[in-house]
Amino acid sequence: MNSRTHTFAPPGVLPADFAELSGLDFLQAMLDGKIPAPPIASTLDFTLLSVAEGVAVFEGQTGEHQYNPLGSIHGGYLATLLDSALGCAVMTTLPPGQGYTTIQLNVNMIRPAFAHTGPLRCEGRTLHAGRTVATAEAKVVGTRDGKLYAHGTTTCAIFPLK
């Protein structure tokens, strides 16, 4: 029997805490260690690597703890990696005082991933950022083999934080 433990900072950041920051500034503060990463990142072993206007890049480490009953990485892991990159790509376009939530997520699985697949890189890019709705697309690619494992799109609702 294997075991796995992880540590995380409790989610001590509330929307009101960052209402004065743009989405890009908030995510950059997270990269700079001024704001803790959300607990889901530690739980599923992925991290935000970089952000720019309209772009967010994550990397996830594959492991047997993410296996489904058939012995491959669970599709929900890939969907979560996509949702994170997609949503954060949208977040980079938001002005101070605006938030987002995913209202539609479309995921296409291309091939199975395994523990030995190694790190998966997911890059999300905003396609449209409007006043009330934004859309983005992302791809999950193996960093060792360069193969496409999944791709997806999102629609996000944009709303005021206060």
C-alpha atoms as a PDB file:
ATOM      1  CA  MET A   1       0.000   0.000   0.000  1.00  0.00           C
ATOM      2  CA  ASN A   2       1.407   3.395  -0.968  1.00  0.00           C
ATOM      3  CA  SER A   3       0.577   6.595   0.821  1.00  0.00           C
ATOM      4  CA  ARG A   4       0.648  10.218  -0.199  1.00  0.00           C
ATOM      5  CA  THR A   5       0.495  13.320   1.934  1.00  0.00           C
ATOM      6  CA  HIS A   6       0.390  16.930   0.890  1.00  0.00           C
ATOM      7  CA  THR A   7       0.338  20.278   2.582  1.00  0.00           C
ATOM      8  CA  PHE A   8      -1.517  23.384   1.583  1.00  0.00           C
ATOM      9  CA  ALA A   9      -2.333  26.838   2.817  1.00  0.00           C
ATOM     10  CA  PRO A  10      -5.992  27.187   3.828  1.00  0.00           C
ATOM     11  CA  PRO A  11      -7.976  29.339   1.404  1.00  0.00           C
ATOM     12  CA  GLY A  12      -7.521  32.570   3.332  1.00  0.00           C
ATOM     13  CA  VAL A  13      -8.012  34.807   0.297  1.00  0.00           C
ATOM     14  CA  LEU A  14     -11.556  35.981  -0.338  1.00  0.00           C
ATOM     15  CA  PRO A  15     -12.812  37.871  -3.390  1.00  0.00           C
ATOM     16  CA  ALA A  16     -13.005  41.074  -1.362  1.00  0.00           C
ATOM     17  CA  ASP A  17      -9.305  40.655  -0.514  1.00  0.00           C
ATOM     18  CA  PHE A  18      -8.252  41.059  -4.118  1.00  0.00           C
ATOM     19  CA  ALA A  19     -11.013  43.275  -5.485  1.00  0.00           C
ATOM     20  CA  GLU A  20      -8.463  46.071  -5.961  1.00  0.00           C
ATOM     21  CA  LEU A  21      -6.199  43.905  -8.148  1.00  0.00           C
ATOM     22  CA  SER A  22      -6.671  43.054 -11.793  1.00  0.00           C
ATOM     23  CA  GLY A  23      -6.898  39.330 -12.511  1.00  0.00           C
ATOM     24  CA  LEU A  24      -3.407  39.389 -14.023  1.00  0.00           C
ATOM     25  CA  ASP A  25      -1.963  41.187 -10.981  1.00  0.00           C
ATOM     26  CA  PHE A  26      -3.654  38.696  -8.642  1.00  0.00           C
ATOM     27  CA  LEU A  27      -2.230  35.680 -10.476  1.00  0.00           C
ATOM     28  CA  GLN A  28       1.207  37.303 -10.685  1.00  0.00           C
ATOM     29  CA  ALA A  29       1.087  37.856  -6.916  1.00  0.00           C
ATOM     30  CA  MET A  30       0.330  34.138  -6.574  1.00  0.00           C
ATOM     31  CA  LEU A  31       3.342  33.285  -8.741  1.00  0.00           C
ATOM     32  CA  ASP A  32       5.468  35.634  -6.622  1.00  0.00           C
ATOM     33  CA  GLY A  33       4.364  33.808  -3.438  1.00  0.00           C
ATOM     34  CA  LYS A  34       2.432  36.781  -2.031  1.00  0.00           C
ATOM     35  CA  ILE A  35      -0.880  34.910  -2.310  1.00  0.00           C
ATOM     36  CA  PRO A  36      -1.071  31.164  -1.580  1.00  0.00           C
ATOM     37  CA  ALA A  37      -2.003  28.752  -4.340  1.00  0.00           C
ATOM     38  CA  PRO A  38      -5.495  27.287  -3.984  1.00  0.00           C
ATOM     39  CA  PRO A  39      -5.668  23.960  -2.094  1.00  0.00           C
ATOM     40  CA  ILE A  40      -6.742  22.067  -5.256  1.00  0.00           C
ATOM     41  CA  ALA A  41      -3.245  22.617  -6.704  1.00  0.00           C
ATOM     42  CA  SER A  42      -1.593  20.674  -3.890  1.00  0.00           C
ATOM     43  CA  THR A  43      -4.322  18.052  -3.756  1.00  0.00           C
ATOM     44  CA  LEU A  44      -3.980  17.177  -7.446  1.00  0.00           C
ATOM     45  CA  ASP A  45      -0.273  18.065  -7.803  1.00  0.00           C
ATOM     46  CA  PHE A  46      -0.333  20.834 -10.382  1.00  0.00           C
ATOM     47  CA  THR A  47       1.043  24.349 -10.380  1.00  0.00           C
ATOM     48  CA  LEU A  48       0.676  27.638 -12.173  1.00  0.00           C
ATOM     49  CA  LEU A  49       3.871  28.249 -14.178  1.00  0.00           C
ATOM     50  CA  SER A  50       3.255  31.578 -15.892  1.00  0.00           C
ATOM     51  CA  VAL A  51       0.673  34.180 -16.807  1.00  0.00           C
ATOM     52  CA  ALA A  52       0.406  36.974 -19.350  1.00  0.00           C
ATOM     53  CA  GLU A  53      -2.505  38.964 -20.730  1.00  0.00           C
ATOM     54  CA  GLY A  54      -4.967  36.308 -21.962  1.00  0.00           C
ATOM     55  CA  VAL A  55      -2.664  33.345 -21.184  1.00  0.00           C
ATOM     56  CA  ALA A  56      -2.189  30.980 -18.236  1.00  0.00           C
ATOM     57  CA  VAL A  57       0.159  27.980 -18.187  1.00  0.00           C
ATOM     58  CA  PHE A  58      -0.047  25.113 -15.696  1.00  0.00           C
ATOM     59  CA  GLU A  59       1.948  21.932 -15.238  1.00  0.00           C
ATOM     60  CA  GLY A  60       0.652  18.801 -13.578  1.00  0.00           C
ATOM     61  CA  GLN A  61       2.617  15.797 -12.344  1.00  0.00           C
ATOM     62  CA  THR A  62       1.078  12.434 -13.177  1.00  0.00           C
ATOM     63  CA  GLY A  63       1.012   9.663 -10.576  1.00  0.00           C
ATOM     64  CA  GLU A  64      -0.756   6.454  -9.673  1.00  0.00           C
ATOM     65  CA  HIS A  65      -2.823   8.332  -7.067  1.00  0.00           C
ATOM     66  CA  GLN A  66      -4.726   9.844 -10.027  1.00  0.00           C
ATOM     67  CA  TYR A  67      -5.627   6.483 -11.590  1.00  0.00           C
ATOM     68  CA  ASN A  68      -9.154   5.459 -12.509  1.00  0.00           C
ATOM     69  CA  PRO A  69     -10.321   1.825 -12.138  1.00  0.00           C
ATOM     70  CA  LEU A  70      -8.757   0.935 -15.517  1.00  0.00           C
ATOM     71  CA  GLY A  71      -5.245   2.026 -14.467  1.00  0.00           C
ATOM     72  CA  SER A  72      -4.841   5.312 -16.331  1.00  0.00           C
ATOM     73  CA  ILE A  73      -4.986   8.933 -15.217  1.00  0.00           C
ATOM     74  CA  HIS A  74      -8.602   9.823 -14.449  1.00  0.00           C
ATOM     75  CA  GLY A  75     -10.266  12.058 -17.035  1.00  0.00           C
ATOM     76  CA  GLY A  76     -11.353  14.347 -14.218  1.00  0.00           C
ATOM     77  CA  TYR A  77      -7.693  15.190 -13.590  1.00  0.00           C
ATOM     78  CA  LEU A  78      -7.261  16.329 -17.195  1.00  0.00           C
ATOM     79  CA  ALA A  79     -10.564  18.224 -17.022  1.00  0.00           C
ATOM     80  CA  THR A  80      -9.449  19.991 -13.832  1.00  0.00           C
ATOM     81  CA  LEU A  81      -6.103  20.920 -15.375  1.00  0.00           C
ATOM     82  CA  LEU A  82      -7.946  22.324 -18.408  1.00  0.00           C
ATOM     83  CA  ASP A  83     -10.519  24.169 -16.285  1.00  0.00           C
ATOM     84  CA  SER A  84      -7.733  25.770 -14.247  1.00  0.00           C
ATOM     85  CA  ALA A  85      -5.771  27.000 -17.275  1.00  0.00           C
ATOM     86  CA  LEU A  86      -8.913  28.116 -19.095  1.00  0.00           C
ATOM     87  CA  GLY A  87     -10.339  30.003 -16.136  1.00  0.00           C
ATOM     88  CA  CYS A  88      -7.046  31.654 -15.229  1.00  0.00           C
ATOM     89  CA  ALA A  89      -6.503  32.703 -18.861  1.00  0.00           C
ATOM     90  CA  VAL A  90      -9.857  34.476 -18.630  1.00  0.00           C
ATOM     91  CA  MET A  91      -8.936  35.877 -15.216  1.00  0.00           C
ATOM     92  CA  THR A  92      -5.841  37.584 -16.689  1.00  0.00           C
ATOM     93  CA  THR A  93      -8.152  39.771 -18.788  1.00  0.00           C
ATOM     94  CA  LEU A  94     -10.302  40.994 -15.886  1.00  0.00           C
ATOM     95  CA  PRO A  95     -10.027  44.500 -14.445  1.00  0.00           C
ATOM     96  CA  PRO A  96     -10.038  45.116 -10.686  1.00  0.00           C
ATOM     97  CA  GLY A  97     -13.368  44.306  -9.055  1.00  0.00           C
ATOM     98  CA  GLN A  98     -14.396  41.627 -11.588  1.00  0.00           C
ATOM     99  CA  GLY A  99     -14.601  37.873 -11.064  1.00  0.00           C
ATOM    100  CA  TYR A 100     -15.491  34.876 -13.208  1.00  0.00           C
ATOM    101  CA  THR A 101     -16.995  31.428 -12.958  1.00  0.00           C
ATOM    102  CA  THR A 102     -17.053  28.571 -15.440  1.00  0.00           C
ATOM    103  CA  ILE A 103     -20.507  28.095 -16.914  1.00  0.00           C
ATOM    104  CA  GLN A 104     -19.534  25.637 -19.653  1.00  0.00           C
ATOM    105  CA  LEU A 105     -16.548  23.312 -20.001  1.00  0.00           C
ATOM    106  CA  ASN A 106     -15.967  21.158 -23.073  1.00  0.00           C
ATOM    107  CA  VAL A 107     -13.221  18.534 -22.800  1.00  0.00           C
ATOM    108  CA  ASN A 108     -11.850  16.269 -25.534  1.00  0.00           C
ATOM    109  CA  MET A 109      -9.668  13.378 -24.391  1.00  0.00           C
ATOM    110  CA  ILE A 110      -7.216  12.312 -27.083  1.00  0.00           C
ATOM    111  CA  ARG A 111      -5.162   9.537 -25.466  1.00  0.00           C
ATOM    112  CA  PRO A 112      -4.705   7.993 -22.030  1.00  0.00           C
ATOM    113  CA  ALA A 113      -2.030   9.298 -19.676  1.00  0.00           C
ATOM    114  CA  PHE A 114      -0.245   7.166 -17.083  1.00  0.00           C
ATOM    115  CA  ALA A 115       2.055   7.738 -14.116  1.00  0.00           C
ATOM    116  CA  HIS A 116       5.051   7.144 -16.402  1.00  0.00           C
ATOM    117  CA  THR A 117       3.764   9.751 -18.896  1.00  0.00           C
ATOM    118  CA  GLY A 118       5.363  12.386 -16.722  1.00  0.00           C
ATOM    119  CA  PRO A 119       4.476  16.054 -16.447  1.00  0.00           C
ATOM    120  CA  LEU A 120       1.577  17.446 -18.462  1.00  0.00           C
ATOM    121  CA  ARG A 121       1.640  21.096 -19.539  1.00  0.00           C
ATOM    122  CA  CYS A 122      -1.633  22.928 -20.064  1.00  0.00           C
ATOM    123  CA  GLU A 123      -1.758  26.320 -21.761  1.00  0.00           C
ATOM    124  CA  GLY A 124      -4.996  28.277 -21.783  1.00  0.00           C
ATOM    125  CA  ARG A 125      -5.623  31.218 -24.130  1.00  0.00           C
ATOM    126  CA  THR A 126      -8.487  33.661 -24.008  1.00  0.00           C
ATOM    127  CA  LEU A 127     -10.450  33.894 -27.247  1.00  0.00           C
ATOM    128  CA  HIS A 128     -12.986  36.546 -26.199  1.00  0.00           C
ATOM    129  CA  ALA A 129     -13.304  38.673 -23.093  1.00  0.00           C
ATOM    130  CA  GLY A 130     -16.514  40.672 -23.034  1.00  0.00           C
ATOM    131  CA  ARG A 131     -18.377  42.547 -20.345  1.00  0.00           C
ATOM    132  CA  THR A 132     -20.436  39.539 -19.169  1.00  0.00           C
ATOM    133  CA  VAL A 133     -19.020  36.481 -20.973  1.00  0.00           C
ATOM    134  CA  ALA A 134     -15.542  35.245 -21.883  1.00  0.00           C
ATOM    135  CA  THR A 135     -14.319  32.202 -23.821  1.00  0.00           C
ATOM    136  CA  ALA A 136     -10.983  30.403 -23.914  1.00  0.00           C
ATOM    137  CA  GLU A 137      -9.272  27.315 -25.330  1.00  0.00           C
ATOM    138  CA  ALA A 138      -6.505  25.099 -23.938  1.00  0.00           C
ATOM    139  CA  LYS A 139      -4.368  22.061 -24.730  1.00  0.00           C
ATOM    140  CA  VAL A 140      -2.766  19.449 -22.467  1.00  0.00           C
ATOM    141  CA  VAL A 141       0.559  18.270 -23.889  1.00  0.00           C
ATOM    142  CA  GLY A 142       3.096  15.832 -22.459  1.00  0.00           C
ATOM    143  CA  THR A 143       6.339  17.626 -21.623  1.00  0.00           C
ATOM    144  CA  ARG A 144       8.408  14.477 -22.338  1.00  0.00           C
ATOM    145  CA  ASP A 145       6.776  13.259 -25.527  1.00  0.00           C
ATOM    146  CA  GLY A 146       5.142  16.430 -26.924  1.00  0.00           C
ATOM    147  CA  LYS A 147       1.919  14.499 -27.548  1.00  0.00           C
ATOM    148  CA  LEU A 148      -1.541  16.026 -27.212  1.00  0.00           C
ATOM    149  CA  TYR A 149      -3.505  14.343 -24.389  1.00  0.00           C
ATOM    150  CA  ALA A 150      -6.590  16.561 -24.218  1.00  0.00           C
ATOM    151  CA  HIS A 151      -7.945  19.904 -25.339  1.00  0.00           C
ATOM    152  CA  GLY A 152     -10.946  21.951 -24.364  1.00  0.00           C
ATOM    153  CA  THR A 153     -12.867  25.172 -24.346  1.00  0.00           C
ATOM    154  CA  THR A 154     -14.754  27.158 -21.749  1.00  0.00           C
ATOM    155  CA  THR A 155     -17.372  29.823 -21.447  1.00  0.00           C
ATOM    156  CA  CYS A 156     -17.134  31.918 -18.286  1.00  0.00           C
ATOM    157  CA  ALA A 157     -19.591  34.369 -16.768  1.00  0.00           C
ATOM    158  CA  ILE A 158     -18.034  37.687 -15.727  1.00  0.00           C
ATOM    159  CA  PHE A 159     -19.474  39.455 -12.672  1.00  0.00           C
ATOM    160  CA  PRO A 160     -18.667  42.195 -10.150  1.00  0.00           C
ATOM    161  CA  LEU A 161     -17.011  40.993  -6.935  1.00  0.00           C
ATOM    162  CA  LYS A 162     -18.810  43.501  -4.743  1.00  0.00           C
END
